[in-house]
């Protein structure tokens, strides 16, 4: 789901790397590989997921969007909620206002923590709509993950996240991929296997760190 995350100060000691790309392009896989190289990864989607487990937020969201967003166990169904908010810009804005302050606070905490850890070489922001909510301007480096739409749709459907129609509908709320690619410092091709992806990430990271 699309969330606003506020702003973050640029790191002077450790580069902040932002990952751009379409839904299902493999941004989290790329972030995971950066983690193996010694980066701290801040996953805003995971933060939001954890927040939705809070009882007070479940009540607030159900009151705003209806109990149809709840699953049988009383928890928020992220897929049901996404279908509602990505069909109405006002509802999407309303959701952002509920979640935004809490995600913002947690992200800032994690960035501060990562800056203080000697073993952390860089900080990677794995965030939906990184560019749309203004975080891209706060990154030292931006990396675009290129992936064909049919592959992205296939991956998303396999994970039970989105079908092609839902993928296209969600991306209607986003800045175009061409625009995202145009502002990126580097582009990673994720249309083939993992070994090729890993090599690209290692090369780019070495360049960022000046190795």
C-alpha atoms as a PDB file:
ATOM      1  CA  UNK A   1       0.000   0.000   0.000  1.00  0.00           C
ATOM      2  CA  UNK A   2       1.169   3.545  -0.529  1.00  0.00           C
ATOM      3  CA  UNK A   3       2.275   5.425   2.530  1.00  0.00           C
ATOM      4  CA  UNK A   4       3.881   8.783   3.250  1.00  0.00           C
ATOM      5  CA  UNK A   5       7.000   8.636   5.358  1.00  0.00           C
ATOM      6  CA  UNK A   6       8.077  12.204   5.931  1.00  0.00           C
ATOM      7  CA  UNK A   7      11.701  13.316   5.526  1.00  0.00           C
ATOM      8  CA  UNK A   8      15.104  12.188   6.659  1.00  0.00           C
ATOM      9  CA  UNK A   9      18.388  14.039   6.888  1.00  0.00           C
ATOM     10  CA  UNK A  10      21.229  13.011   4.625  1.00  0.00           C
ATOM     11  CA  UNK A  11      23.923  11.015   6.305  1.00  0.00           C
ATOM     12  CA  UNK A  12      27.353  12.669   6.273  1.00  0.00           C
ATOM     13  CA  UNK A  13      29.249   9.550   7.299  1.00  0.00           C
ATOM     14  CA  UNK A  14      27.282   6.715   5.751  1.00  0.00           C
ATOM     15  CA  UNK A  15      25.625   7.009   2.327  1.00  0.00           C
ATOM     16  CA  UNK A  16      21.874   6.616   2.195  1.00  0.00           C
ATOM     17  CA  UNK A  17      20.867   4.524  -0.804  1.00  0.00           C
ATOM     18  CA  UNK A  18      17.308   4.666  -2.096  1.00  0.00           C
ATOM     19  CA  UNK A  19      15.832   1.921  -4.242  1.00  0.00           C
ATOM     20  CA  UNK A  20      13.361   2.777  -7.021  1.00  0.00           C
ATOM     21  CA  UNK A  21      11.321   0.477  -9.240  1.00  0.00           C
ATOM     22  CA  UNK A  22       7.905  -0.809 -10.158  1.00  0.00           C
ATOM     23  CA  UNK A  23       5.673  -3.100  -8.133  1.00  0.00           C
ATOM     24  CA  UNK A  24       7.162  -6.596  -8.166  1.00  0.00           C
ATOM     25  CA  UNK A  25      10.470  -5.467  -9.668  1.00  0.00           C
ATOM     26  CA  UNK A  26      12.480  -7.058  -6.878  1.00  0.00           C
ATOM     27  CA  UNK A  27      13.373  -4.023  -4.776  1.00  0.00           C
ATOM     28  CA  UNK A  28      13.310  -6.039  -1.562  1.00  0.00           C
ATOM     29  CA  UNK A  29      15.546  -8.714  -3.103  1.00  0.00           C
ATOM     30  CA  UNK A  30      18.012  -6.005  -4.064  1.00  0.00           C
ATOM     31  CA  UNK A  31      17.836  -4.535  -0.561  1.00  0.00           C
ATOM     32  CA  UNK A  32      18.475  -7.973   0.911  1.00  0.00           C
ATOM     33  CA  UNK A  33      21.641  -8.316  -1.129  1.00  0.00           C
ATOM     34  CA  UNK A  34      22.833  -4.930   0.078  1.00  0.00           C
ATOM     35  CA  UNK A  35      22.263  -6.178   3.609  1.00  0.00           C
ATOM     36  CA  UNK A  36      24.672  -9.046   2.928  1.00  0.00           C
ATOM     37  CA  UNK A  37      27.257  -6.464   1.879  1.00  0.00           C
ATOM     38  CA  UNK A  38      27.065  -4.718   5.242  1.00  0.00           C
ATOM     39  CA  UNK A  39      24.212  -2.247   4.813  1.00  0.00           C
ATOM     40  CA  UNK A  40      21.407  -1.537   7.247  1.00  0.00           C
ATOM     41  CA  UNK A  41      18.111  -1.972   5.393  1.00  0.00           C
ATOM     42  CA  UNK A  42      15.071   0.011   6.477  1.00  0.00           C
ATOM     43  CA  UNK A  43      11.969  -1.717   5.158  1.00  0.00           C
ATOM     44  CA  UNK A  44       9.082   0.729   5.455  1.00  0.00           C
ATOM     45  CA  UNK A  45       6.570  -1.829   4.196  1.00  0.00           C
ATOM     46  CA  UNK A  46       7.530  -4.149   7.051  1.00  0.00           C
ATOM     47  CA  UNK A  47       7.185  -1.300   9.516  1.00  0.00           C
ATOM     48  CA  UNK A  48       3.688  -0.558   8.209  1.00  0.00           C
ATOM     49  CA  UNK A  49       2.793  -4.250   8.360  1.00  0.00           C
ATOM     50  CA  UNK A  50       3.819  -4.398  12.015  1.00  0.00           C
ATOM     51  CA  UNK A  51       1.854  -1.271  12.801  1.00  0.00           C
ATOM     52  CA  UNK A  52      -1.295  -2.834  11.359  1.00  0.00           C
ATOM     53  CA  UNK A  53      -1.035  -5.493  14.080  1.00  0.00           C
ATOM     54  CA  UNK A  54      -1.792  -2.858  16.698  1.00  0.00           C
ATOM     55  CA  UNK A  55      -5.305  -3.132  18.047  1.00  0.00           C
ATOM     56  CA  UNK A  56      -5.853   0.625  18.240  1.00  0.00           C
ATOM     57  CA  UNK A  57      -4.910   1.089  14.588  1.00  0.00           C
ATOM     58  CA  UNK A  58      -7.076  -1.825  13.486  1.00  0.00           C
ATOM     59  CA  UNK A  59     -10.053  -0.177  15.139  1.00  0.00           C
ATOM     60  CA  UNK A  60      -9.290   3.201  13.591  1.00  0.00           C
ATOM     61  CA  UNK A  61      -8.854   1.773  10.093  1.00  0.00           C
ATOM     62  CA  UNK A  62     -11.946  -0.415  10.344  1.00  0.00           C
ATOM     63  CA  UNK A  63     -13.957   2.601  11.507  1.00  0.00           C
ATOM     64  CA  UNK A  64     -12.734   4.659   8.546  1.00  0.00           C
ATOM     65  CA  UNK A  65     -12.892   2.062   5.754  1.00  0.00           C
ATOM     66  CA  UNK A  66     -15.431  -0.472   7.036  1.00  0.00           C
ATOM     67  CA  UNK A  67     -15.131  -3.887   8.628  1.00  0.00           C
ATOM     68  CA  UNK A  68     -14.786  -5.454   5.191  1.00  0.00           C
ATOM     69  CA  UNK A  69     -11.056  -4.707   5.450  1.00  0.00           C
ATOM     70  CA  UNK A  70     -10.801  -7.216   8.298  1.00  0.00           C
ATOM     71  CA  UNK A  71      -9.982 -10.881   7.803  1.00  0.00           C
ATOM     72  CA  UNK A  72     -11.718 -13.670   9.708  1.00  0.00           C
ATOM     73  CA  UNK A  73      -9.255 -13.434  12.592  1.00  0.00           C
ATOM     74  CA  UNK A  74     -10.028  -9.745  13.029  1.00  0.00           C
ATOM     75  CA  UNK A  75      -6.767  -8.489  11.571  1.00  0.00           C
ATOM     76  CA  UNK A  76      -6.388  -6.019   8.720  1.00  0.00           C
ATOM     77  CA  UNK A  77      -6.319  -7.660   5.293  1.00  0.00           C
ATOM     78  CA  UNK A  78      -3.692  -5.624   3.489  1.00  0.00           C
ATOM     79  CA  UNK A  79      -4.944  -6.777   0.109  1.00  0.00           C
ATOM     80  CA  UNK A  80      -8.539  -5.779   0.832  1.00  0.00           C
ATOM     81  CA  UNK A  81      -7.417  -2.441   2.211  1.00  0.00           C
ATOM     82  CA  UNK A  82      -5.176  -1.804  -0.805  1.00  0.00           C
ATOM     83  CA  UNK A  83      -8.053  -2.491  -3.202  1.00  0.00           C
ATOM     84  CA  UNK A  84     -10.121   0.164  -1.471  1.00  0.00           C
ATOM     85  CA  UNK A  85      -7.517   2.917  -1.182  1.00  0.00           C
ATOM     86  CA  UNK A  86      -6.041   2.428  -4.647  1.00  0.00           C
ATOM     87  CA  UNK A  87      -9.465   3.038  -6.131  1.00  0.00           C
ATOM     88  CA  UNK A  88      -9.935   6.405  -4.447  1.00  0.00           C
ATOM     89  CA  UNK A  89      -7.295   9.107  -3.978  1.00  0.00           C
ATOM     90  CA  UNK A  90      -9.145  10.596  -0.984  1.00  0.00           C
ATOM     91  CA  UNK A  91      -9.190   7.256   0.806  1.00  0.00           C
ATOM     92  CA  UNK A  92      -5.518   6.752   0.043  1.00  0.00           C
ATOM     93  CA  UNK A  93      -4.813  10.147   1.582  1.00  0.00           C
ATOM     94  CA  UNK A  94      -6.895   9.240   4.631  1.00  0.00           C
ATOM     95  CA  UNK A  95      -4.903   6.047   5.166  1.00  0.00           C
ATOM     96  CA  UNK A  96      -1.639   7.971   4.857  1.00  0.00           C
ATOM     97  CA  UNK A  97      -2.771  10.366   7.577  1.00  0.00           C
ATOM     98  CA  UNK A  98      -3.416   7.457   9.941  1.00  0.00           C
ATOM     99  CA  UNK A  99      -0.177   5.582   9.315  1.00  0.00           C
ATOM    100  CA  UNK A 100       2.224   8.365   8.377  1.00  0.00           C
ATOM    101  CA  UNK A 101       3.225   9.758  11.802  1.00  0.00           C
ATOM    102  CA  UNK A 102       3.976   6.318  13.226  1.00  0.00           C
ATOM    103  CA  UNK A 103       6.009   5.073  10.273  1.00  0.00           C
ATOM    104  CA  UNK A 104       7.845   8.380  10.162  1.00  0.00           C
ATOM    105  CA  UNK A 105       8.879   8.070  13.786  1.00  0.00           C
ATOM    106  CA  UNK A 106      10.092   4.487  13.437  1.00  0.00           C
ATOM    107  CA  UNK A 107      12.092   5.132  10.268  1.00  0.00           C
ATOM    108  CA  UNK A 108      13.865   8.041  11.925  1.00  0.00           C
ATOM    109  CA  UNK A 109      14.695   5.857  14.898  1.00  0.00           C
ATOM    110  CA  UNK A 110      16.187   3.163  12.686  1.00  0.00           C
ATOM    111  CA  UNK A 111      18.260   5.628  10.685  1.00  0.00           C
ATOM    112  CA  UNK A 112      19.679   7.122  13.869  1.00  0.00           C
ATOM    113  CA  UNK A 113      20.472   3.660  15.176  1.00  0.00           C
ATOM    114  CA  UNK A 114      22.188   2.629  11.938  1.00  0.00           C
ATOM    115  CA  UNK A 115      24.314   5.783  11.899  1.00  0.00           C
ATOM    116  CA  UNK A 116      25.668   4.831  15.319  1.00  0.00           C
ATOM    117  CA  UNK A 117      26.642   1.268  14.394  1.00  0.00           C
ATOM    118  CA  UNK A 118      30.268   0.950  13.281  1.00  0.00           C
ATOM    119  CA  UNK A 119      29.638  -2.267  11.368  1.00  0.00           C
ATOM    120  CA  UNK A 120      27.038  -0.598   9.131  1.00  0.00           C
ATOM    121  CA  UNK A 121      28.621   0.607   5.887  1.00  0.00           C
ATOM    122  CA  UNK A 122      25.582   2.315   4.376  1.00  0.00           C
ATOM    123  CA  UNK A 123      21.826   2.701   4.891  1.00  0.00           C
ATOM    124  CA  UNK A 124      19.374   1.354   2.313  1.00  0.00           C
ATOM    125  CA  UNK A 125      15.815   2.648   2.111  1.00  0.00           C
ATOM    126  CA  UNK A 126      13.409   0.021   0.835  1.00  0.00           C
ATOM    127  CA  UNK A 127      10.233   2.069   0.607  1.00  0.00           C
ATOM    128  CA  UNK A 128       7.174   1.994  -1.608  1.00  0.00           C
ATOM    129  CA  UNK A 129       6.847   5.309  -3.454  1.00  0.00           C
ATOM    130  CA  UNK A 130      10.242   6.555  -2.340  1.00  0.00           C
ATOM    131  CA  UNK A 131      10.223   9.276  -4.977  1.00  0.00           C
ATOM    132  CA  UNK A 132       6.538  10.169  -4.628  1.00  0.00           C
ATOM    133  CA  UNK A 133       6.793  11.070  -0.945  1.00  0.00           C
ATOM    134  CA  UNK A 134      10.005  13.073  -1.222  1.00  0.00           C
ATOM    135  CA  UNK A 135      12.541  10.691   0.253  1.00  0.00           C
ATOM    136  CA  UNK A 136      14.521  10.418  -2.986  1.00  0.00           C
ATOM    137  CA  UNK A 137      15.805  13.969  -2.496  1.00  0.00           C
ATOM    138  CA  UNK A 138      17.306  12.920   0.829  1.00  0.00           C
ATOM    139  CA  UNK A 139      19.271   9.991  -0.574  1.00  0.00           C
ATOM    140  CA  UNK A 140      22.950  10.147  -1.503  1.00  0.00           C
ATOM    141  CA  UNK A 141      22.467   7.565  -4.245  1.00  0.00           C
ATOM    142  CA  UNK A 142      19.426   6.259  -6.098  1.00  0.00           C
ATOM    143  CA  UNK A 143      19.234   2.857  -7.748  1.00  0.00           C
ATOM    144  CA  UNK A 144      16.518   1.908 -10.213  1.00  0.00           C
ATOM    145  CA  UNK A 145      15.534  -1.766 -10.527  1.00  0.00           C
ATOM    146  CA  UNK A 146      14.532  -2.454 -14.128  1.00  0.00           C
ATOM    147  CA  UNK A 147      12.141  -5.339 -14.725  1.00  0.00           C
ATOM    148  CA  UNK A 148       9.662  -6.121 -17.493  1.00  0.00           C
ATOM    149  CA  UNK A 149       5.995  -5.693 -16.631  1.00  0.00           C
ATOM    150  CA  UNK A 150       5.053  -9.278 -17.485  1.00  0.00           C
ATOM    151  CA  UNK A 151       7.748 -10.575 -15.125  1.00  0.00           C
ATOM    152  CA  UNK A 152       6.657  -8.199 -12.369  1.00  0.00           C
ATOM    153  CA  UNK A 153       3.044  -9.258 -12.792  1.00  0.00           C
ATOM    154  CA  UNK A 154       4.004 -12.932 -12.715  1.00  0.00           C
ATOM    155  CA  UNK A 155       6.057 -12.500  -9.550  1.00  0.00           C
ATOM    156  CA  UNK A 156       3.321 -10.524  -7.826  1.00  0.00           C
ATOM    157  CA  UNK A 157       0.644 -13.059  -8.718  1.00  0.00           C
ATOM    158  CA  UNK A 158       2.831 -15.951  -7.573  1.00  0.00           C
ATOM    159  CA  UNK A 159       3.228 -14.295  -4.182  1.00  0.00           C
ATOM    160  CA  UNK A 160      -0.524 -13.722  -4.023  1.00  0.00           C
ATOM    161  CA  UNK A 161      -0.105  -9.960  -3.970  1.00  0.00           C
ATOM    162  CA  UNK A 162      -1.501  -8.567  -7.229  1.00  0.00           C
ATOM    163  CA  UNK A 163      -2.714  -9.629 -10.621  1.00  0.00           C
ATOM    164  CA  UNK A 164      -1.865  -7.606 -13.735  1.00  0.00           C
ATOM    165  CA  UNK A 165      -4.975  -5.424 -13.490  1.00  0.00           C
ATOM    166  CA  UNK A 166      -4.276  -4.553  -9.862  1.00  0.00           C
ATOM    167  CA  UNK A 167      -0.624  -3.901 -10.643  1.00  0.00           C
ATOM    168  CA  UNK A 168      -1.539  -1.406 -13.379  1.00  0.00           C
ATOM    169  CA  UNK A 169      -4.157   0.229 -11.163  1.00  0.00           C
ATOM    170  CA  UNK A 170      -1.675   0.686  -8.327  1.00  0.00           C
ATOM    171  CA  UNK A 171       0.940   2.178 -10.628  1.00  0.00           C
ATOM    172  CA  UNK A 172      -1.588   4.771 -11.801  1.00  0.00           C
ATOM    173  CA  UNK A 173      -0.957   6.434  -8.431  1.00  0.00           C
ATOM    174  CA  UNK A 174       2.790   6.512  -8.965  1.00  0.00           C
ATOM    175  CA  UNK A 175       5.325   8.566 -10.877  1.00  0.00           C
ATOM    176  CA  UNK A 176       6.195   6.857 -14.163  1.00  0.00           C
ATOM    177  CA  UNK A 177       8.989   4.304 -14.215  1.00  0.00           C
ATOM    178  CA  UNK A 178      10.716   6.262 -16.986  1.00  0.00           C
ATOM    179  CA  UNK A 179      10.905   9.281 -14.695  1.00  0.00           C
ATOM    180  CA  UNK A 180      12.254   7.198 -11.830  1.00  0.00           C
ATOM    181  CA  UNK A 181      14.880   5.665 -14.069  1.00  0.00           C
ATOM    182  CA  UNK A 182      15.911   9.086 -15.330  1.00  0.00           C
ATOM    183  CA  UNK A 183      16.830  10.374 -11.866  1.00  0.00           C
ATOM    184  CA  UNK A 184      18.637   7.215 -10.725  1.00  0.00           C
ATOM    185  CA  UNK A 185      22.414   7.140 -10.389  1.00  0.00           C
ATOM    186  CA  UNK A 186      22.499   3.462 -11.333  1.00  0.00           C
ATOM    187  CA  UNK A 187      20.196   0.927 -12.959  1.00  0.00           C
ATOM    188  CA  UNK A 188      20.059  -2.750 -12.051  1.00  0.00           C
ATOM    189  CA  UNK A 189      18.576  -5.216 -14.520  1.00  0.00           C
ATOM    190  CA  UNK A 190      16.415  -7.825 -12.798  1.00  0.00           C
ATOM    191  CA  UNK A 191      15.062  -9.733 -15.778  1.00  0.00           C
ATOM    192  CA  UNK A 192      17.278 -12.788 -15.398  1.00  0.00           C
ATOM    193  CA  UNK A 193      18.744 -14.888 -12.586  1.00  0.00           C
ATOM    194  CA  UNK A 194      19.888 -14.029  -9.084  1.00  0.00           C
ATOM    195  CA  UNK A 195      23.599 -14.513  -9.716  1.00  0.00           C
ATOM    196  CA  UNK A 196      23.547 -11.804 -12.398  1.00  0.00           C
ATOM    197  CA  UNK A 197      21.590  -9.542 -10.068  1.00  0.00           C
ATOM    198  CA  UNK A 198      24.045 -10.096  -7.223  1.00  0.00           C
ATOM    199  CA  UNK A 199      27.040  -9.247  -9.409  1.00  0.00           C
ATOM    200  CA  UNK A 200      25.475  -5.954 -10.455  1.00  0.00           C
ATOM    201  CA  UNK A 201      24.732  -5.015  -6.852  1.00  0.00           C
ATOM    202  CA  UNK A 202      28.269  -5.824  -5.728  1.00  0.00           C
ATOM    203  CA  UNK A 203      29.759  -3.714  -8.519  1.00  0.00           C
ATOM    204  CA  UNK A 204      27.472  -0.760  -7.807  1.00  0.00           C
ATOM    205  CA  UNK A 205      28.089  -0.909  -4.072  1.00  0.00           C
ATOM    206  CA  UNK A 206      31.840  -0.978  -4.612  1.00  0.00           C
ATOM    207  CA  UNK A 207      31.490   2.158  -6.715  1.00  0.00           C
ATOM    208  CA  UNK A 208      29.387   3.913  -4.091  1.00  0.00           C
ATOM    209  CA  UNK A 209      31.863   3.106  -1.333  1.00  0.00           C
ATOM    210  CA  UNK A 210      34.806   4.110  -3.498  1.00  0.00           C
ATOM    211  CA  UNK A 211      36.417   0.693  -3.591  1.00  0.00           C
END
